[in-house]
């Protein structure tokens, strides 16, 4: 097992397991960031840091990745395996920054990359997927809508920015 840091993204962690007879390198990505959300679940394992929690299933994603890594650290896989613990999934484009830094090159270049996203709408124990990209990254855009005020009796004479914003 080899562990690699990425100086350009110091909280990113990459772990590589050498296979017994590798034909490819299989990558597995998990998000590791907490979100700026106050946890109000009251559960005994709730976040103890005010205003931060592993929402959106990030705790589940990390647990699954660590379980898979632990299994293959004990039971050496045939193919090489790369585990990418990605920070800044929700913002700051952590995965893209790690890629731009050249971290996925040489022995650290996966032939395939996999990840999960939990869906609480599915029954416990059920998995679902589809071919191709299932979940894509986030992008933030900022738009300013300007309008022309009007009288409630004559809405057709106004240019309501709320209507324009809702339509876009």
N, C-alpha and C. Protein backbone atom coordinates (compact mmCIF):
# COMPACT_ATOMS: atom_id res chain seq x y z
N UNK A 1 0.85 -1.16 0.00
CA UNK A 1 0.00 0.00 0.00
C UNK A 1 0.90 1.23 0.00
N UNK A 2 0.58 2.19 -0.87
CA UNK A 2 1.32 3.43 -0.97
C UNK A 2 0.33 4.58 -0.78
N UNK A 3 0.72 5.58 -0.01
CA UNK A 3 -0.13 6.75 0.21
C UNK A 3 0.56 7.96 -0.40
N UNK A 4 -0.23 8.78 -1.09
CA UNK A 4 0.31 9.95 -1.78
C UNK A 4 -0.51 11.18 -1.40
N UNK A 5 0.18 12.25 -1.07
CA UNK A 5 -0.47 13.53 -0.85
C UNK A 5 -0.39 14.37 -2.11
N UNK A 6 -1.19 15.41 -2.16
CA UNK A 6 -1.21 16.32 -3.30
C UNK A 6 -0.95 17.72 -2.74
N UNK A 7 0.27 18.24 -2.84
CA UNK A 7 0.58 19.54 -2.22
C UNK A 7 -0.37 20.67 -2.63
N UNK A 8 -0.84 20.66 -3.88
CA UNK A 8 -1.74 21.71 -4.35
C UNK A 8 -3.11 21.65 -3.66
N UNK A 9 -3.48 20.49 -3.17
CA UNK A 9 -4.75 20.28 -2.46
C UNK A 9 -4.38 19.47 -1.22
N UNK A 10 -3.90 20.12 -0.16
CA UNK A 10 -3.25 19.40 0.94
C UNK A 10 -4.14 18.44 1.73
N UNK A 11 -5.45 18.55 1.63
CA UNK A 11 -6.30 17.61 2.36
C UNK A 11 -6.71 16.41 1.53
N UNK A 12 -6.29 16.36 0.27
CA UNK A 12 -6.57 15.20 -0.58
C UNK A 12 -5.63 14.07 -0.20
N UNK A 13 -6.16 12.85 -0.21
CA UNK A 13 -5.36 11.66 0.08
C UNK A 13 -5.61 10.64 -1.01
N UNK A 14 -4.52 10.04 -1.49
CA UNK A 14 -4.63 8.98 -2.48
C UNK A 14 -3.91 7.75 -1.95
N UNK A 15 -4.53 6.59 -2.10
CA UNK A 15 -3.95 5.34 -1.63
C UNK A 15 -3.95 4.39 -2.82
N UNK A 16 -2.81 3.74 -3.04
CA UNK A 16 -2.68 2.80 -4.16
C UNK A 16 -2.33 1.42 -3.62
N UNK A 17 -3.10 0.44 -4.04
CA UNK A 17 -2.81 -0.96 -3.72
C UNK A 17 -2.33 -1.65 -4.99
N UNK A 18 -1.17 -2.29 -4.92
CA UNK A 18 -0.65 -3.02 -6.07
C UNK A 18 -1.37 -4.37 -6.18
N UNK A 19 -1.78 -4.70 -7.38
CA UNK A 19 -2.45 -5.97 -7.62
C UNK A 19 -1.47 -7.12 -7.78
N UNK A 20 -1.99 -8.34 -7.67
CA UNK A 20 -1.16 -9.53 -7.80
C UNK A 20 -0.79 -9.81 -9.25
N UNK A 21 -1.69 -9.49 -10.19
CA UNK A 21 -1.46 -9.71 -11.61
C UNK A 21 -2.26 -8.67 -12.38
N UNK A 22 -1.88 -7.39 -12.26
CA UNK A 22 -2.75 -6.31 -12.74
C UNK A 22 -2.84 -6.22 -14.26
N UNK A 23 -4.06 -6.04 -14.72
CA UNK A 23 -4.34 -5.72 -16.12
C UNK A 23 -4.78 -4.27 -16.24
N UNK A 24 -5.21 -3.68 -15.12
CA UNK A 24 -5.71 -2.31 -15.12
C UNK A 24 -5.61 -1.74 -13.71
N UNK A 25 -5.90 -0.46 -13.61
CA UNK A 25 -5.97 0.21 -12.31
C UNK A 25 -7.39 0.74 -12.15
N UNK A 26 -8.03 0.30 -11.10
CA UNK A 26 -9.41 0.69 -10.82
C UNK A 26 -9.40 1.75 -9.73
N UNK A 27 -10.02 2.89 -10.03
CA UNK A 27 -10.09 3.98 -9.07
C UNK A 27 -11.41 4.01 -8.34
N UNK A 28 -11.35 4.40 -7.08
CA UNK A 28 -12.57 4.58 -6.28
C UNK A 28 -12.47 5.93 -5.58
N UNK A 29 -13.47 6.78 -5.76
CA UNK A 29 -13.46 8.12 -5.22
C UNK A 29 -14.50 8.26 -4.12
N UNK A 30 -14.11 8.94 -3.06
CA UNK A 30 -15.07 9.28 -2.01
C UNK A 30 -14.86 10.72 -1.59
N UNK A 31 -15.93 11.38 -1.25
CA UNK A 31 -15.83 12.75 -0.74
C UNK A 31 -15.56 12.70 0.76
N UNK A 32 -14.78 13.65 1.24
CA UNK A 32 -14.40 13.62 2.65
C UNK A 32 -14.73 14.93 3.36
N UNK A 33 -15.37 15.85 2.68
CA UNK A 33 -15.57 17.16 3.28
C UNK A 33 -16.84 17.23 4.12
N UNK A 34 -16.72 18.00 5.18
CA UNK A 34 -17.91 18.36 5.96
C UNK A 34 -18.55 19.56 5.28
N UNK A 35 -19.81 19.77 5.54
CA UNK A 35 -20.53 20.90 4.94
C UNK A 35 -20.90 21.90 6.02
N UNK A 36 -21.07 23.16 5.64
CA UNK A 36 -21.44 24.18 6.63
C UNK A 36 -22.92 24.10 7.00
N UNK A 37 -23.26 23.01 7.68
CA UNK A 37 -24.64 22.74 8.09
C UNK A 37 -24.62 22.36 9.57
N UNK A 38 -25.55 22.89 10.32
CA UNK A 38 -25.65 22.51 11.73
C UNK A 38 -26.48 21.24 11.83
N UNK A 39 -25.89 20.22 12.42
CA UNK A 39 -26.60 18.95 12.56
C UNK A 39 -27.58 19.03 13.71
N UNK A 40 -28.81 18.66 13.44
CA UNK A 40 -29.86 18.72 14.45
C UNK A 40 -30.57 17.38 14.59
N UNK A 41 -29.84 16.29 14.37
CA UNK A 41 -30.46 14.97 14.41
C UNK A 41 -30.64 14.46 15.82
N UNK A 42 -29.79 14.90 16.75
CA UNK A 42 -29.85 14.39 18.11
C UNK A 42 -29.29 12.99 18.25
N UNK A 43 -28.68 12.46 17.21
CA UNK A 43 -28.13 11.11 17.26
C UNK A 43 -26.82 11.09 18.05
N UNK A 44 -26.49 9.97 18.65
CA UNK A 44 -25.27 9.91 19.47
C UNK A 44 -23.99 10.10 18.67
N UNK A 45 -24.03 9.88 17.36
CA UNK A 45 -22.84 10.04 16.53
C UNK A 45 -22.88 11.35 15.73
N UNK A 46 -23.73 12.28 16.14
CA UNK A 46 -23.84 13.56 15.45
C UNK A 46 -22.55 14.35 15.57
N UNK A 47 -22.36 15.26 14.64
CA UNK A 47 -21.18 16.11 14.64
C UNK A 47 -21.09 16.88 15.96
N UNK A 48 -19.89 17.00 16.46
CA UNK A 48 -19.66 17.76 17.69
C UNK A 48 -19.11 19.15 17.38
N UNK A 49 -18.99 19.48 16.10
CA UNK A 49 -18.47 20.78 15.69
C UNK A 49 -19.65 21.63 15.22
N UNK A 50 -19.96 22.71 15.95
CA UNK A 50 -21.10 23.55 15.57
C UNK A 50 -20.96 24.09 14.14
N UNK A 51 -22.03 23.99 13.38
CA UNK A 51 -22.04 24.52 12.02
C UNK A 51 -21.34 23.67 10.99
N UNK A 52 -20.94 22.45 11.35
CA UNK A 52 -20.30 21.56 10.38
C UNK A 52 -20.79 20.13 10.59
N UNK A 53 -21.10 19.49 9.48
CA UNK A 53 -21.49 18.08 9.55
C UNK A 53 -21.21 17.39 8.23
N UNK A 54 -21.16 16.08 8.26
CA UNK A 54 -21.01 15.30 7.03
C UNK A 54 -22.41 15.00 6.50
N UNK A 55 -23.01 16.02 5.94
CA UNK A 55 -24.35 15.89 5.37
C UNK A 55 -24.25 15.25 3.98
N UNK A 56 -25.37 15.07 3.35
CA UNK A 56 -25.45 14.51 2.00
C UNK A 56 -24.83 13.13 1.91
N UNK A 57 -24.74 12.42 3.02
CA UNK A 57 -24.23 11.06 2.99
C UNK A 57 -22.73 10.94 2.97
N UNK A 58 -22.01 12.04 3.17
CA UNK A 58 -20.55 11.96 3.10
C UNK A 58 -19.98 10.98 4.11
N UNK A 59 -20.61 10.85 5.27
CA UNK A 59 -20.12 9.88 6.25
C UNK A 59 -20.30 8.46 5.72
N UNK A 60 -21.40 8.20 5.03
CA UNK A 60 -21.63 6.89 4.43
C UNK A 60 -20.60 6.63 3.33
N UNK A 61 -20.36 7.64 2.49
CA UNK A 61 -19.41 7.48 1.39
C UNK A 61 -18.02 7.13 1.93
N UNK A 62 -17.58 7.83 2.97
CA UNK A 62 -16.26 7.55 3.56
C UNK A 62 -16.22 6.17 4.19
N UNK A 63 -17.28 5.78 4.87
CA UNK A 63 -17.32 4.47 5.52
C UNK A 63 -17.22 3.35 4.50
N UNK A 64 -17.94 3.48 3.40
CA UNK A 64 -17.88 2.46 2.34
C UNK A 64 -16.47 2.40 1.76
N UNK A 65 -15.88 3.55 1.45
CA UNK A 65 -14.53 3.57 0.88
C UNK A 65 -13.51 2.95 1.83
N UNK A 66 -13.59 3.29 3.11
CA UNK A 66 -12.66 2.71 4.08
C UNK A 66 -12.87 1.20 4.23
N UNK A 67 -14.13 0.75 4.14
CA UNK A 67 -14.41 -0.68 4.21
C UNK A 67 -13.84 -1.43 3.02
N UNK A 68 -14.01 -0.86 1.82
CA UNK A 68 -13.45 -1.49 0.62
C UNK A 68 -11.93 -1.51 0.69
N UNK A 69 -11.34 -0.39 1.10
CA UNK A 69 -9.89 -0.30 1.22
C UNK A 69 -9.37 -1.31 2.24
N UNK A 70 -10.03 -1.42 3.38
CA UNK A 70 -9.61 -2.37 4.41
C UNK A 70 -9.68 -3.80 3.87
N UNK A 71 -10.75 -4.12 3.16
CA UNK A 71 -10.90 -5.47 2.61
C UNK A 71 -9.75 -5.80 1.66
N UNK A 72 -9.45 -4.90 0.72
CA UNK A 72 -8.42 -5.19 -0.26
C UNK A 72 -7.01 -5.01 0.29
N UNK A 73 -6.84 -4.30 1.39
CA UNK A 73 -5.53 -4.23 2.03
C UNK A 73 -5.18 -5.58 2.66
N UNK A 74 -6.20 -6.31 3.09
CA UNK A 74 -6.00 -7.63 3.68
C UNK A 74 -6.04 -8.71 2.61
N UNK A 75 -6.89 -8.56 1.62
CA UNK A 75 -7.05 -9.52 0.52
C UNK A 75 -6.58 -8.85 -0.77
N UNK A 76 -5.31 -8.99 -1.07
CA UNK A 76 -4.71 -8.27 -2.19
C UNK A 76 -5.49 -8.53 -3.48
N UNK A 77 -5.88 -7.45 -4.18
CA UNK A 77 -6.66 -7.61 -5.41
C UNK A 77 -5.78 -8.06 -6.57
N UNK A 78 -6.43 -8.56 -7.61
CA UNK A 78 -5.70 -8.93 -8.83
C UNK A 78 -5.24 -7.66 -9.55
N UNK A 79 -6.16 -6.72 -9.74
CA UNK A 79 -5.83 -5.46 -10.41
C UNK A 79 -5.34 -4.44 -9.39
N UNK A 80 -4.61 -3.44 -9.87
CA UNK A 80 -4.22 -2.33 -9.01
C UNK A 80 -5.47 -1.56 -8.62
N UNK A 81 -5.46 -0.98 -7.44
CA UNK A 81 -6.59 -0.17 -6.99
C UNK A 81 -6.09 1.17 -6.48
N UNK A 82 -6.82 2.21 -6.82
CA UNK A 82 -6.50 3.56 -6.39
C UNK A 82 -7.70 4.12 -5.64
N UNK A 83 -7.47 4.59 -4.43
CA UNK A 83 -8.53 5.21 -3.64
C UNK A 83 -8.24 6.70 -3.54
N UNK A 84 -9.21 7.50 -3.92
CA UNK A 84 -9.07 8.96 -3.91
C UNK A 84 -10.04 9.53 -2.89
N UNK A 85 -9.50 10.06 -1.80
CA UNK A 85 -10.29 10.72 -0.77
C UNK A 85 -10.31 12.20 -1.11
N UNK A 86 -11.41 12.65 -1.72
CA UNK A 86 -11.51 13.97 -2.33
C UNK A 86 -12.10 15.01 -1.41
N UNK A 87 -11.36 16.08 -1.15
CA UNK A 87 -11.93 17.21 -0.44
C UNK A 87 -12.66 18.14 -1.42
N UNK A 88 -13.39 19.07 -0.87
CA UNK A 88 -14.01 20.14 -1.66
C UNK A 88 -14.88 19.62 -2.79
N UNK A 89 -15.69 18.63 -2.48
CA UNK A 89 -16.60 18.09 -3.51
C UNK A 89 -17.70 19.08 -3.81
N UNK A 90 -18.22 19.72 -2.79
CA UNK A 90 -19.36 20.61 -2.95
C UNK A 90 -18.98 21.98 -3.51
N UNK A 91 -17.74 22.39 -3.30
CA UNK A 91 -17.29 23.68 -3.79
C UNK A 91 -15.78 23.62 -3.97
N UNK A 92 -15.21 24.58 -4.57
CA UNK A 92 -13.76 24.67 -4.79
C UNK A 92 -13.22 23.61 -5.74
N UNK A 93 -14.05 22.75 -6.29
CA UNK A 93 -13.64 21.84 -7.34
C UNK A 93 -12.42 21.00 -6.96
N UNK A 94 -12.47 20.35 -5.80
CA UNK A 94 -11.34 19.56 -5.31
C UNK A 94 -10.86 18.51 -6.27
N UNK A 95 -11.76 17.75 -6.87
CA UNK A 95 -11.36 16.72 -7.82
C UNK A 95 -10.68 17.31 -9.04
N UNK A 96 -11.21 18.39 -9.54
CA UNK A 96 -10.63 19.04 -10.71
C UNK A 96 -9.24 19.60 -10.38
N UNK A 97 -9.09 20.17 -9.20
CA UNK A 97 -7.79 20.72 -8.81
C UNK A 97 -6.75 19.61 -8.67
N UNK A 98 -7.13 18.47 -8.13
CA UNK A 98 -6.21 17.34 -8.02
C UNK A 98 -5.82 16.84 -9.41
N UNK A 99 -6.79 16.76 -10.29
CA UNK A 99 -6.53 16.35 -11.68
C UNK A 99 -5.58 17.33 -12.36
N UNK A 100 -5.87 18.63 -12.22
CA UNK A 100 -5.03 19.67 -12.84
C UNK A 100 -3.60 19.63 -12.29
N UNK A 101 -3.43 19.19 -11.06
CA UNK A 101 -2.09 19.11 -10.45
C UNK A 101 -1.30 17.93 -11.00
N UNK A 102 -1.93 17.08 -11.82
CA UNK A 102 -1.24 15.94 -12.41
C UNK A 102 -1.14 14.74 -11.50
N UNK A 103 -1.96 14.69 -10.46
CA UNK A 103 -1.88 13.59 -9.50
C UNK A 103 -2.26 12.24 -10.11
N UNK A 104 -3.11 12.24 -11.12
CA UNK A 104 -3.55 10.98 -11.74
C UNK A 104 -2.68 10.66 -12.95
N UNK A 105 -1.42 10.39 -12.70
CA UNK A 105 -0.50 10.08 -13.79
C UNK A 105 0.42 8.94 -13.35
N UNK A 106 1.06 8.32 -14.34
CA UNK A 106 1.96 7.21 -14.05
C UNK A 106 1.23 6.07 -13.37
N UNK A 107 1.81 5.54 -12.29
CA UNK A 107 1.17 4.45 -11.54
C UNK A 107 -0.14 4.87 -10.89
N UNK A 108 -0.39 6.16 -10.81
CA UNK A 108 -1.58 6.70 -10.14
C UNK A 108 -2.69 7.03 -11.14
N UNK A 109 -2.56 6.59 -12.37
CA UNK A 109 -3.58 6.86 -13.38
C UNK A 109 -4.56 5.69 -13.45
N UNK A 110 -5.83 5.92 -13.09
CA UNK A 110 -6.80 4.83 -13.16
C UNK A 110 -7.32 4.63 -14.58
N UNK A 111 -7.64 3.40 -14.90
CA UNK A 111 -8.29 3.09 -16.17
C UNK A 111 -9.80 3.35 -16.07
N UNK A 112 -10.31 3.19 -14.87
CA UNK A 112 -11.74 3.41 -14.59
C UNK A 112 -11.83 4.05 -13.22
N UNK A 113 -12.89 4.85 -13.01
CA UNK A 113 -13.12 5.45 -11.71
C UNK A 113 -14.56 5.16 -11.29
N UNK A 114 -14.76 4.79 -10.03
CA UNK A 114 -16.09 4.51 -9.51
C UNK A 114 -16.32 5.31 -8.23
N UNK A 115 -17.58 5.52 -7.91
CA UNK A 115 -17.98 6.18 -6.67
C UNK A 115 -19.43 5.79 -6.40
N UNK A 116 -19.89 6.10 -5.21
CA UNK A 116 -21.31 5.89 -4.90
C UNK A 116 -21.91 7.20 -4.44
N UNK A 117 -23.22 7.23 -4.46
CA UNK A 117 -23.97 8.32 -3.82
C UNK A 117 -25.19 7.65 -3.22
N UNK A 118 -25.35 7.84 -1.92
CA UNK A 118 -26.49 7.17 -1.30
C UNK A 118 -27.78 7.92 -1.62
N UNK A 119 -28.86 7.18 -1.65
CA UNK A 119 -30.16 7.74 -1.99
C UNK A 119 -31.16 7.27 -0.94
N UNK A 120 -31.50 8.13 0.02
CA UNK A 120 -32.41 7.71 1.08
C UNK A 120 -33.82 7.37 0.60
N UNK A 121 -34.13 7.68 -0.66
CA UNK A 121 -35.44 7.33 -1.19
C UNK A 121 -35.53 5.84 -1.55
N UNK A 122 -34.38 5.16 -1.65
CA UNK A 122 -34.38 3.73 -1.94
C UNK A 122 -34.52 2.94 -0.64
N UNK A 123 -35.12 1.77 -0.70
CA UNK A 123 -35.19 0.93 0.49
C UNK A 123 -33.79 0.52 0.95
N UNK A 124 -33.63 0.33 2.24
CA UNK A 124 -32.33 -0.09 2.79
C UNK A 124 -31.86 -1.35 2.10
N UNK A 125 -30.59 -1.38 1.70
CA UNK A 125 -30.01 -2.54 1.06
C UNK A 125 -30.16 -2.58 -0.45
N UNK A 126 -30.92 -1.67 -1.03
CA UNK A 126 -31.12 -1.67 -2.47
C UNK A 126 -30.10 -0.75 -3.14
N UNK A 127 -29.53 -1.21 -4.25
CA UNK A 127 -28.60 -0.42 -5.05
C UNK A 127 -29.23 -0.14 -6.40
N UNK A 128 -28.88 1.00 -6.98
CA UNK A 128 -29.39 1.34 -8.31
C UNK A 128 -28.28 2.07 -9.06
N UNK A 129 -28.30 1.93 -10.37
CA UNK A 129 -27.29 2.60 -11.18
C UNK A 129 -27.83 2.74 -12.60
N UNK A 130 -27.02 3.33 -13.43
CA UNK A 130 -27.28 3.38 -14.85
C UNK A 130 -25.94 3.56 -15.55
N UNK A 131 -25.86 3.32 -16.84
CA UNK A 131 -24.61 3.50 -17.56
C UNK A 131 -24.31 4.98 -17.73
N UNK A 132 -23.02 5.31 -17.78
CA UNK A 132 -22.61 6.69 -17.99
C UNK A 132 -22.55 7.47 -16.69
N UNK A 133 -22.45 8.76 -16.83
CA UNK A 133 -22.37 9.63 -15.66
C UNK A 133 -23.71 9.66 -14.95
N UNK A 134 -23.67 9.43 -13.66
CA UNK A 134 -24.90 9.41 -12.87
C UNK A 134 -25.07 10.71 -12.10
N UNK A 135 -24.00 11.18 -11.50
CA UNK A 135 -24.02 12.44 -10.78
C UNK A 135 -22.86 13.27 -11.29
N UNK A 136 -23.12 14.49 -11.62
CA UNK A 136 -22.05 15.36 -12.13
C UNK A 136 -21.68 16.39 -11.08
N UNK A 137 -20.66 17.15 -11.36
CA UNK A 137 -20.19 18.18 -10.43
C UNK A 137 -21.13 19.36 -10.35
N UNK A 138 -20.82 20.22 -9.43
CA UNK A 138 -21.63 21.42 -9.24
C UNK A 138 -20.94 22.61 -9.87
N UNK A 139 -21.72 23.55 -10.28
CA UNK A 139 -21.22 24.81 -10.82
C UNK A 139 -22.10 25.92 -10.27
N UNK A 140 -21.46 26.97 -9.82
CA UNK A 140 -22.22 28.12 -9.33
C UNK A 140 -22.15 29.23 -10.36
N UNK A 141 -23.28 29.85 -10.61
CA UNK A 141 -23.31 31.02 -11.48
C UNK A 141 -24.05 32.13 -10.74
N UNK A 142 -23.72 33.33 -11.07
CA UNK A 142 -24.35 34.49 -10.44
C UNK A 142 -24.94 35.34 -11.55
N UNK A 143 -26.24 35.60 -11.43
CA UNK A 143 -26.97 36.36 -12.45
C UNK A 143 -27.71 37.48 -11.75
N UNK A 144 -27.68 38.65 -12.36
CA UNK A 144 -28.46 39.78 -11.86
C UNK A 144 -29.60 40.02 -12.83
N UNK A 145 -30.82 40.04 -12.31
CA UNK A 145 -32.01 40.35 -13.11
C UNK A 145 -32.46 41.75 -12.74
N UNK A 146 -32.69 42.57 -13.74
CA UNK A 146 -33.20 43.92 -13.52
C UNK A 146 -34.53 44.04 -14.25
N UNK A 147 -35.44 44.76 -13.64
CA UNK A 147 -36.75 44.90 -14.24
C UNK A 147 -37.23 46.33 -14.24
N UNK A 148 -38.47 46.49 -14.55
CA UNK A 148 -39.11 47.80 -14.57
C UNK A 148 -40.37 47.68 -13.73
N UNK A 149 -40.45 48.51 -12.70
CA UNK A 149 -41.60 48.40 -11.80
C UNK A 149 -42.87 48.83 -12.51
N UNK A 150 -43.95 48.43 -11.94
CA UNK A 150 -45.25 48.77 -12.52
C UNK A 150 -46.31 48.81 -11.45
N UNK A 151 -47.52 49.00 -11.85
CA UNK A 151 -48.65 49.06 -10.94
C UNK A 151 -49.36 47.71 -10.97
N UNK A 152 -49.84 47.30 -9.80
CA UNK A 152 -50.52 46.00 -9.71
C UNK A 152 -51.71 45.90 -10.64
N UNK A 153 -52.35 47.05 -10.95
CA UNK A 153 -53.50 47.05 -11.85
C UNK A 153 -53.09 46.86 -13.31
N UNK A 154 -51.79 47.12 -13.60
CA UNK A 154 -51.30 47.00 -14.97
C UNK A 154 -50.00 46.17 -15.02
N UNK A 155 -50.06 44.89 -14.64
CA UNK A 155 -48.82 44.09 -14.60
C UNK A 155 -48.19 43.93 -15.98
N UNK A 156 -48.99 44.02 -17.02
CA UNK A 156 -48.45 43.87 -18.36
C UNK A 156 -47.52 45.01 -18.75
N UNK A 157 -47.55 46.12 -18.01
CA UNK A 157 -46.66 47.25 -18.31
C UNK A 157 -45.32 47.14 -17.56
N UNK A 158 -45.22 46.20 -16.65
CA UNK A 158 -43.99 46.03 -15.87
C UNK A 158 -43.10 44.98 -16.52
N UNK A 159 -41.87 45.00 -16.16
CA UNK A 159 -40.93 43.95 -16.55
C UNK A 159 -40.44 43.35 -15.25
N UNK A 160 -41.15 42.30 -14.81
CA UNK A 160 -40.92 41.72 -13.49
C UNK A 160 -39.70 40.80 -13.50
N UNK A 161 -38.62 41.17 -12.80
CA UNK A 161 -37.43 40.31 -12.80
C UNK A 161 -37.66 38.96 -12.12
N UNK A 162 -38.61 38.91 -11.21
CA UNK A 162 -38.90 37.64 -10.54
C UNK A 162 -39.45 36.62 -11.53
N UNK A 163 -40.33 37.06 -12.43
CA UNK A 163 -40.88 36.18 -13.45
C UNK A 163 -39.77 35.70 -14.39
N UNK A 164 -38.89 36.64 -14.79
CA UNK A 164 -37.77 36.27 -15.66
C UNK A 164 -36.84 35.28 -14.98
N UNK A 165 -36.54 35.52 -13.70
CA UNK A 165 -35.64 34.62 -12.97
C UNK A 165 -36.26 33.23 -12.83
N UNK A 166 -37.55 33.18 -12.55
CA UNK A 166 -38.23 31.90 -12.37
C UNK A 166 -38.30 31.12 -13.69
N UNK A 167 -38.32 31.83 -14.80
CA UNK A 167 -38.43 31.19 -16.10
C UNK A 167 -37.09 30.66 -16.59
N UNK A 168 -35.99 31.13 -15.99
CA UNK A 168 -34.68 30.70 -16.51
C UNK A 168 -34.29 29.49 -15.79
